[in-house]
Amino acid sequence: MLNFLLGALAGALMAAVATIAAVRNPDVQVRMGLVRQDPTVVQVVRRPDPVCPAQAAAPGAAGAGPQVGQPEMLFARRRFWSVAP
């Protein structure tokens, strides 16, 4: 009998904690009618168009963009065979 009473008390305590935690949630408060929902105001903010910095003319081709490195950097034989001490 004591086990039943302790279990019922523990269950009631857990239900009370869960109910209090749920009622503190603003969405649950609105659904239960405890508070009125404020009208949602959507502000439309137009972001300014991004401004790209002026690109320097590439030495190789006009409009190709800046070239970084050389293809020889990856496939140079001395890169694969030279071992630094």
PDB file of N, CA and C in Angstrom:
ATOM      1  N   MET A   1       0.817  -1.193   0.000  1.00  0.00           N
ATOM      2  CA  MET A   1       0.000   0.000   0.000  1.00  0.00           C
ATOM      3  C   MET A   1       0.870   1.270   0.000  1.00  0.00           C
ATOM      4  N   LEU A   2       1.965   1.194   0.749  1.00  0.00           N
ATOM      5  CA  LEU A   2       2.859   2.349   0.805  1.00  0.00           C
ATOM      6  C   LEU A   2       3.514   2.585  -0.557  1.00  0.00           C
ATOM      7  N   ASN A   3       3.843   1.480  -1.263  1.00  0.00           N
ATOM      8  CA  ASN A   3       4.433   1.632  -2.602  1.00  0.00           C
ATOM      9  C   ASN A   3       3.457   2.323  -3.548  1.00  0.00           C
ATOM     10  N   PHE A   4       2.187   1.985  -3.448  1.00  0.00           N
ATOM     11  CA  PHE A   4       1.181   2.612  -4.306  1.00  0.00           C
ATOM     12  C   PHE A   4       1.084   4.106  -4.006  1.00  0.00           C
ATOM     13  N   LEU A   5       1.065   4.464  -2.747  1.00  0.00           N
ATOM     14  CA  LEU A   5       0.957   5.877  -2.383  1.00  0.00           C
ATOM     15  C   LEU A   5       2.188   6.667  -2.824  1.00  0.00           C
ATOM     16  N   LEU A   6       3.372   6.074  -2.634  1.00  0.00           N
ATOM     17  CA  LEU A   6       4.593   6.769  -3.069  1.00  0.00           C
ATOM     18  C   LEU A   6       4.644   6.900  -4.584  1.00  0.00           C
ATOM     19  N   GLY A   7       4.220   5.873  -5.285  1.00  0.00           N
ATOM     20  CA  GLY A   7       4.197   5.935  -6.750  1.00  0.00           C
ATOM     21  C   GLY A   7       3.190   6.954  -7.253  1.00  0.00           C
ATOM     22  N   ALA A   8       2.014   6.995  -6.604  1.00  0.00           N
ATOM     23  CA  ALA A   8       1.003   7.981  -6.995  1.00  0.00           C
ATOM     24  C   ALA A   8       1.492   9.393  -6.708  1.00  0.00           C
ATOM     25  N   LEU A   9       2.165   9.579  -5.601  1.00  0.00           N
ATOM     26  CA  LEU A   9       2.700  10.893  -5.267  1.00  0.00           C
ATOM     27  C   LEU A   9       3.785  11.313  -6.264  1.00  0.00           C
ATOM     28  N   ALA A  10       4.664  10.376  -6.616  1.00  0.00           N
ATOM     29  CA  ALA A  10       5.715  10.689  -7.590  1.00  0.00           C
ATOM     30  C   ALA A  10       5.106  10.989  -8.965  1.00  0.00           C
ATOM     31  N   GLY A  11       4.102  10.230  -9.367  1.00  0.00           N
ATOM     32  CA  GLY A  11       3.439  10.485 -10.652  1.00  0.00           C
ATOM     33  C   GLY A  11       2.740  11.825 -10.674  1.00  0.00           C
ATOM     34  N   ALA A  12       2.072  12.168  -9.570  1.00  0.00           N
ATOM     35  CA  ALA A  12       1.399  13.464  -9.500  1.00  0.00           C
ATOM     36  C   ALA A  12       2.405  14.605  -9.533  1.00  0.00           C
ATOM     37  N   LEU A  13       3.541  14.418  -8.880  1.00  0.00           N
ATOM     38  CA  LEU A  13       4.579  15.449  -8.893  1.00  0.00           C
ATOM     39  C   LEU A  13       5.155  15.636 -10.294  1.00  0.00           C
ATOM     40  N   MET A  14       5.397  14.528 -10.988  1.00  0.00           N
ATOM     41  CA  MET A  14       5.909  14.637 -12.359  1.00  0.00           C
ATOM     42  C   MET A  14       4.877  15.288 -13.277  1.00  0.00           C
ATOM     43  N   ALA A  15       3.596  14.954 -13.125  1.00  0.00           N
ATOM     44  CA  ALA A  15       2.556  15.564 -13.946  1.00  0.00           C
ATOM     45  C   ALA A  15       2.450  17.053 -13.666  1.00  0.00           C
ATOM     46  N   ALA A  16       2.591  17.437 -12.405  1.00  0.00           N
ATOM     47  CA  ALA A  16       2.525  18.856 -12.056  1.00  0.00           C
ATOM     48  C   ALA A  16       3.695  19.625 -12.659  1.00  0.00           C
ATOM     49  N   VAL A  17       4.885  19.057 -12.579  1.00  0.00           N
ATOM     50  CA  VAL A  17       6.063  19.729 -13.153  1.00  0.00           C
ATOM     51  C   VAL A  17       5.922  19.850 -14.663  1.00  0.00           C
ATOM     52  N   ALA A  18       5.448  18.789 -15.319  1.00  0.00           N
ATOM     53  CA  ALA A  18       5.271  18.840 -16.773  1.00  0.00           C
ATOM     54  C   ALA A  18       4.208  19.864 -17.161  1.00  0.00           C
ATOM     55  N   THR A  19       3.134  19.949 -16.393  1.00  0.00           N
ATOM     56  CA  THR A  19       2.072  20.914 -16.689  1.00  0.00           C
ATOM     57  C   THR A  19       2.566  22.336 -16.509  1.00  0.00           C
ATOM     58  N   ILE A  20       3.294  22.589 -15.435  1.00  0.00           N
ATOM     59  CA  ILE A  20       3.809  23.941 -15.207  1.00  0.00           C
ATOM     60  C   ILE A  20       4.795  24.323 -16.299  1.00  0.00           C
ATOM     61  N   ALA A  21       5.651  23.382 -16.703  1.00  0.00           N
ATOM     62  CA  ALA A  21       6.615  23.676 -17.772  1.00  0.00           C
ATOM     63  C   ALA A  21       5.900  23.951 -19.088  1.00  0.00           C
ATOM     64  N   ALA A  22       4.822  23.222 -19.369  1.00  0.00           N
ATOM     65  CA  ALA A  22       4.092  23.436 -20.618  1.00  0.00           C
ATOM     66  C   ALA A  22       3.354  24.764 -20.606  1.00  0.00           C
ATOM     67  N   VAL A  23       2.765  25.129 -19.462  1.00  0.00           N
ATOM     68  CA  VAL A  23       1.993  26.371 -19.398  1.00  0.00           C
ATOM     69  C   VAL A  23       2.901  27.588 -19.463  1.00  0.00           C
ATOM     70  N   ARG A  24       4.142  27.440 -19.124  1.00  0.00           N
ATOM     71  CA  ARG A  24       5.076  28.574 -19.228  1.00  0.00           C
ATOM     72  C   ARG A  24       5.476  28.854 -20.670  1.00  0.00           C
ATOM     73  N   ASN A  25       5.203  27.911 -21.582  1.00  0.00           N
ATOM     74  CA  ASN A  25       5.540  28.084 -22.990  1.00  0.00           C
ATOM     75  C   ASN A  25       4.534  29.056 -23.615  1.00  0.00           C
ATOM     76  N   PRO A  26       4.985  30.110 -24.306  1.00  0.00           N
ATOM     77  CA  PRO A  26       4.049  31.100 -24.870  1.00  0.00           C
ATOM     78  C   PRO A  26       3.080  30.502 -25.890  1.00  0.00           C
ATOM     79  N   ASP A  27       3.507  29.523 -26.673  1.00  0.00           N
ATOM     80  CA  ASP A  27       2.598  28.925 -27.653  1.00  0.00           C
ATOM     81  C   ASP A  27       1.456  28.196 -26.961  1.00  0.00           C
ATOM     82  N   VAL A  28       1.765  27.498 -25.885  1.00  0.00           N
ATOM     83  CA  VAL A  28       0.731  26.783 -25.143  1.00  0.00           C
ATOM     84  C   VAL A  28      -0.210  27.778 -24.479  1.00  0.00           C
ATOM     85  N   GLN A  29       0.307  28.882 -23.990  1.00  0.00           N
ATOM     86  CA  GLN A  29      -0.534  29.892 -23.372  1.00  0.00           C
ATOM     87  C   GLN A  29      -1.539  30.452 -24.371  1.00  0.00           C
ATOM     88  N   VAL A  30      -1.100  30.662 -25.608  1.00  0.00           N
ATOM     89  CA  VAL A  30      -2.000  31.186 -26.636  1.00  0.00           C
ATOM     90  C   VAL A  30      -3.050  30.134 -26.983  1.00  0.00           C
ATOM     91  N   ARG A  31      -2.662  28.871 -27.123  1.00  0.00           N
ATOM     92  CA  ARG A  31      -3.621  27.819 -27.466  1.00  0.00           C
ATOM     93  C   ARG A  31      -4.650  27.594 -26.370  1.00  0.00           C
ATOM     94  N   MET A  32      -4.242  27.744 -25.114  1.00  0.00           N
ATOM     95  CA  MET A  32      -5.176  27.552 -24.003  1.00  0.00           C
ATOM     96  C   MET A  32      -6.029  28.789 -23.762  1.00  0.00           C
ATOM     97  N   GLY A  33      -5.695  29.895 -24.397  1.00  0.00           N
ATOM     98  CA  GLY A  33      -6.470  31.115 -24.231  1.00  0.00           C
ATOM     99  C   GLY A  33      -6.085  31.896 -22.993  1.00  0.00           C
ATOM    100  N   LEU A  34      -4.922  31.614 -22.418  1.00  0.00           N
ATOM    101  CA  LEU A  34      -4.501  32.350 -21.225  1.00  0.00           C
ATOM    102  C   LEU A  34      -4.075  33.770 -21.573  1.00  0.00           C
ATOM    103  N   VAL A  35      -3.494  33.950 -22.730  1.00  0.00           N
ATOM    104  CA  VAL A  35      -3.092  35.281 -23.189  1.00  0.00           C
ATOM    105  C   VAL A  35      -3.565  35.444 -24.625  1.00  0.00           C
ATOM    106  N   ARG A  36      -3.749  36.690 -25.026  1.00  0.00           N
ATOM    107  CA  ARG A  36      -4.145  36.948 -26.413  1.00  0.00           C
ATOM    108  C   ARG A  36      -2.892  37.059 -27.267  1.00  0.00           C
ATOM    109  N   GLN A  37      -3.038  36.585 -28.476  1.00  0.00           N
ATOM    110  CA  GLN A  37      -1.899  36.634 -29.386  1.00  0.00           C
ATOM    111  C   GLN A  37      -1.805  38.031 -29.981  1.00  0.00           C
ATOM    112  N   ASP A  38      -0.612  38.596 -29.916  1.00  0.00           N
ATOM    113  CA  ASP A  38      -0.384  39.894 -30.526  1.00  0.00           C
ATOM    114  C   ASP A  38      -0.370  39.733 -32.032  1.00  0.00           C
ATOM    115  N   PRO A  39      -0.905  40.706 -32.748  1.00  0.00           N
ATOM    116  CA  PRO A  39      -0.853  40.594 -34.213  1.00  0.00           C
ATOM    117  C   PRO A  39       0.596  40.609 -34.683  1.00  0.00           C
ATOM    118  N   THR A  40       0.877  39.722 -35.591  1.00  0.00           N
ATOM    119  CA  THR A  40       2.232  39.603 -36.104  1.00  0.00           C
ATOM    120  C   THR A  40       2.488  40.714 -37.110  1.00  0.00           C
ATOM    121  N   VAL A  41       3.535  41.447 -36.893  1.00  0.00           N
ATOM    122  CA  VAL A  41       3.913  42.531 -37.790  1.00  0.00           C
ATOM    123  C   VAL A  41       5.175  42.104 -38.520  1.00  0.00           C
ATOM    124  N   VAL A  42       5.072  42.056 -39.825  1.00  0.00           N
ATOM    125  CA  VAL A  42       6.215  41.669 -40.640  1.00  0.00           C
ATOM    126  C   VAL A  42       6.789  42.936 -41.266  1.00  0.00           C
ATOM    127  N   GLN A  43       8.016  43.192 -40.943  1.00  0.00           N
ATOM    128  CA  GLN A  43       8.664  44.352 -41.526  1.00  0.00           C
ATOM    129  C   GLN A  43       9.495  43.898 -42.711  1.00  0.00           C
ATOM    130  N   VAL A  44       9.221  44.520 -43.831  1.00  0.00           N
ATOM    131  CA  VAL A  44       9.967  44.190 -45.034  1.00  0.00           C
ATOM    132  C   VAL A  44      11.151  45.139 -45.109  1.00  0.00           C
ATOM    133  N   VAL A  45      12.321  44.559 -44.990  1.00  0.00           N
ATOM    134  CA  VAL A  45      13.544  45.357 -45.039  1.00  0.00           C
ATOM    135  C   VAL A  45      14.265  44.993 -46.322  1.00  0.00           C
ATOM    136  N   ARG A  46      14.496  45.983 -47.124  1.00  0.00           N
ATOM    137  CA  ARG A  46      15.202  45.735 -48.378  1.00  0.00           C
ATOM    138  C   ARG A  46      16.684  45.963 -48.138  1.00  0.00           C
ATOM    139  N   ARG A  47      17.432  44.923 -48.391  1.00  0.00           N
ATOM    140  CA  ARG A  47      18.878  45.046 -48.240  1.00  0.00           C
ATOM    141  C   ARG A  47      19.458  45.770 -49.449  1.00  0.00           C
ATOM    142  N   PRO A  48      20.471  46.564 -49.213  1.00  0.00           N
ATOM    143  CA  PRO A  48      21.096  47.221 -50.366  1.00  0.00           C
ATOM    144  C   PRO A  48      21.832  46.189 -51.217  1.00  0.00           C
ATOM    145  N   ASP A  49      21.864  46.462 -52.503  1.00  0.00           N
ATOM    146  CA  ASP A  49      22.582  45.563 -53.402  1.00  0.00           C
ATOM    147  C   ASP A  49      24.062  45.565 -53.052  1.00  0.00           C
ATOM    148  N   PRO A  50      24.691  44.397 -53.070  1.00  0.00           N
ATOM    149  CA  PRO A  50      26.116  44.350 -52.736  1.00  0.00           C
ATOM    150  C   PRO A  50      26.951  45.076 -53.789  1.00  0.00           C
ATOM    151  N   VAL A  51      27.956  45.733 -53.310  1.00  0.00           N
ATOM    152  CA  VAL A  51      28.843  46.470 -54.199  1.00  0.00           C
ATOM    153  C   VAL A  51      30.159  45.720 -54.264  1.00  0.00           C
ATOM    154  N   CYS A  52      30.521  45.278 -55.441  1.00  0.00           N
ATOM    155  CA  CYS A  52      31.773  44.555 -55.620  1.00  0.00           C
ATOM    156  C   CYS A  52      32.914  45.552 -55.774  1.00  0.00           C
ATOM    157  N   PRO A  53      34.047  45.263 -55.147  1.00  0.00           N
ATOM    158  CA  PRO A  53      35.176  46.169 -55.343  1.00  0.00           C
ATOM    159  C   PRO A  53      35.679  46.076 -56.777  1.00  0.00           C
ATOM    160  N   ALA A  54      36.284  47.137 -57.211  1.00  0.00           N
ATOM    161  CA  ALA A  54      36.807  47.165 -58.576  1.00  0.00           C
ATOM    162  C   ALA A  54      37.899  46.114 -58.713  1.00  0.00           C
ATOM    163  N   GLN A  55      37.773  45.282 -59.721  1.00  0.00           N
ATOM    164  CA  GLN A  55      38.769  44.233 -59.934  1.00  0.00           C
ATOM    165  C   GLN A  55      39.888  44.771 -60.809  1.00  0.00           C
ATOM    166  N   ALA A  56      41.102  44.465 -60.390  1.00  0.00           N
ATOM    167  CA  ALA A  56      42.266  44.874 -61.178  1.00  0.00           C
ATOM    168  C   ALA A  56      42.313  44.018 -62.441  1.00  0.00           C
ATOM    169  N   ALA A  57      42.758  44.605 -63.503  1.00  0.00           N
ATOM    170  CA  ALA A  57      42.852  43.877 -64.777  1.00  0.00           C
ATOM    171  C   ALA A  57      43.893  42.778 -64.663  1.00  0.00           C
ATOM    172  N   ALA A  58      43.515  41.563 -65.042  1.00  0.00           N
ATOM    173  CA  ALA A  58      44.428  40.421 -64.977  1.00  0.00           C
ATOM    174  C   ALA A  58      45.471  40.550 -66.071  1.00  0.00           C
ATOM    175  N   PRO A  59      46.725  40.183 -65.765  1.00  0.00           N
ATOM    176  CA  PRO A  59      47.759  40.326 -66.791  1.00  0.00           C
ATOM    177  C   PRO A  59      47.559  39.366 -67.958  1.00  0.00           C
ATOM    178  N   GLY A  60      46.914  38.209 -67.727  1.00  0.00           N
ATOM    179  CA  GLY A  60      46.783  37.213 -68.785  1.00  0.00           C
ATOM    180  C   GLY A  60      45.693  37.539 -69.776  1.00  0.00           C
ATOM    181  N   ALA A  61      44.493  37.675 -69.275  1.00  0.00           N
ATOM    182  CA  ALA A  61      43.360  37.920 -70.157  1.00  0.00           C
ATOM    183  C   ALA A  61      42.419  38.903 -69.484  1.00  0.00           C
ATOM    184  N   ALA A  62      41.747  39.668 -70.284  1.00  0.00           N
ATOM    185  CA  ALA A  62      40.822  40.646 -69.737  1.00  0.00           C
ATOM    186  C   ALA A  62      39.526  39.930 -69.349  1.00  0.00           C
ATOM    187  N   GLY A  63      39.071  40.112 -68.131  1.00  0.00           N
ATOM    188  CA  GLY A  63      37.823  39.512 -67.691  1.00  0.00           C
ATOM    189  C   GLY A  63      37.962  38.088 -67.184  1.00  0.00           C
ATOM    190  N   ALA A  64      39.158  37.512 -67.202  1.00  0.00           N
ATOM    191  CA  ALA A  64      39.342  36.139 -66.752  1.00  0.00           C
ATOM    192  C   ALA A  64      39.493  36.076 -65.237  1.00  0.00           C
ATOM    193  N   GLY A  65      39.734  37.177 -64.590  1.00  0.00           N
ATOM    194  CA  GLY A  65      39.904  37.183 -63.143  1.00  0.00           C
ATOM    195  C   GLY A  65      41.363  36.986 -62.787  1.00  0.00           C
ATOM    196  N   PRO A  66      41.713  37.255 -61.566  1.00  0.00           N
ATOM    197  CA  PRO A  66      43.109  37.118 -61.160  1.00  0.00           C
ATOM    198  C   PRO A  66      43.519  35.644 -61.095  1.00  0.00           C
ATOM    199  N   GLN A  67      44.738  35.388 -61.504  1.00  0.00           N
ATOM    200  CA  GLN A  67      45.252  34.019 -61.479  1.00  0.00           C
ATOM    201  C   GLN A  67      46.116  33.848 -60.239  1.00  0.00           C
ATOM    202  N   VAL A  68      45.835  32.803 -59.489  1.00  0.00           N
ATOM    203  CA  VAL A  68      46.569  32.533 -58.267  1.00  0.00           C
ATOM    204  C   VAL A  68      47.420  31.299 -58.498  1.00  0.00           C
ATOM    205  N   GLY A  69      48.711  31.439 -58.352  1.00  0.00           N
ATOM    206  CA  GLY A  69      49.610  30.304 -58.516  1.00  0.00           C
ATOM    207  C   GLY A  69      49.829  29.937 -59.969  1.00  0.00           C
ATOM    208  N   GLN A  70      50.485  28.806 -60.158  1.00  0.00           N
ATOM    209  CA  GLN A  70      50.761  28.298 -61.499  1.00  0.00           C
ATOM    210  C   GLN A  70      50.464  26.810 -61.503  1.00  0.00           C
ATOM    211  N   PRO A  71      50.068  26.251 -62.634  1.00  0.00           N
ATOM    212  CA  PRO A  71      49.813  24.808 -62.684  1.00  0.00           C
ATOM    213  C   PRO A  71      51.060  23.996 -62.362  1.00  0.00           C
ATOM    214  N   GLU A  72      52.216  24.568 -62.598  1.00  0.00           N
ATOM    215  CA  GLU A  72      53.471  23.861 -62.350  1.00  0.00           C
ATOM    216  C   GLU A  72      53.707  23.646 -60.848  1.00  0.00           C
ATOM    217  N   MET A  73      53.036  24.412 -60.023  1.00  0.00           N
ATOM    218  CA  MET A  73      53.219  24.284 -58.581  1.00  0.00           C
ATOM    219  C   MET A  73      52.754  22.913 -58.085  1.00  0.00           C
ATOM    220  N   LEU A  74      51.723  22.360 -58.685  1.00  0.00           N
ATOM    221  CA  LEU A  74      51.197  21.081 -58.234  1.00  0.00           C
ATOM    222  C   LEU A  74      51.968  19.890 -58.798  1.00  0.00           C
ATOM    223  N   PHE A  75      52.406  20.008 -60.041  1.00  0.00           N
ATOM    224  CA  PHE A  75      52.956  18.845 -60.727  1.00  0.00           C
ATOM    225  C   PHE A  75      54.447  18.943 -60.995  1.00  0.00           C
ATOM    226  N   ALA A  76      55.161  19.751 -60.219  1.00  0.00           N
ATOM    227  CA  ALA A  76      56.598  19.876 -60.435  1.00  0.00           C
ATOM    228  C   ALA A  76      57.292  18.604 -59.933  1.00  0.00           C
ATOM    229  N   ARG A  77      58.240  18.072 -60.738  1.00  0.00           N
ATOM    230  CA  ARG A  77      58.948  16.845 -60.353  1.00  0.00           C
ATOM    231  C   ARG A  77      59.795  17.055 -59.104  1.00  0.00           C
ATOM    232  N   ARG A  78      60.412  18.201 -58.975  1.00  0.00           N
ATOM    233  CA  ARG A  78      61.267  18.422 -57.814  1.00  0.00           C
ATOM    234  C   ARG A  78      60.455  18.478 -56.529  1.00  0.00           C
ATOM    235  N   ARG A  79      59.175  18.804 -56.630  1.00  0.00           N
ATOM    236  CA  ARG A  79      58.324  18.817 -55.439  1.00  0.00           C
ATOM    237  C   ARG A  79      58.158  17.393 -54.908  1.00  0.00           C
ATOM    238  N   PHE A  80      58.028  16.434 -55.793  1.00  0.00           N
ATOM    239  CA  PHE A  80      57.818  15.060 -55.368  1.00  0.00           C
ATOM    240  C   PHE A  80      59.118  14.368 -54.929  1.00  0.00           C
ATOM    241  N   TRP A  81      60.281  14.778 -55.504  1.00  0.00           N
ATOM    242  CA  TRP A  81      61.503  14.051 -55.264  1.00  0.00           C
ATOM    243  C   TRP A  81      62.445  14.733 -54.291  1.00  0.00           C
ATOM    244  N   SER A  82      62.236  16.010 -54.027  1.00  0.00           N
ATOM    245  CA  SER A  82      63.160  16.665 -53.102  1.00  0.00           C
ATOM    246  C   SER A  82      62.692  16.434 -51.670  1.00  0.00           C
ATOM    247  N   VAL A  83      63.643  16.064 -50.829  1.00  0.00           N
ATOM    248  CA  VAL A  83      63.333  15.802 -49.426  1.00  0.00           C
ATOM    249  C   VAL A  83      64.174  16.747 -48.590  1.00  0.00           C
ATOM    250  N   ALA A  84      63.505  17.574 -47.809  1.00  0.00           N
ATOM    251  CA  ALA A  84      64.246  18.518 -46.978  1.00  0.00           C
ATOM    252  C   ALA A  84      64.705  17.802 -45.719  1.00  0.00           C
ATOM    253  N   PRO A  85      65.922  18.118 -45.255  1.00  0.00           N
ATOM    254  CA  PRO A  85      66.423  17.438 -44.036  1.00  0.00           C
ATOM    255  C   PRO A  85      65.675  17.892 -42.800  1.00  0.00           C
TER     256      PRO A  85
END
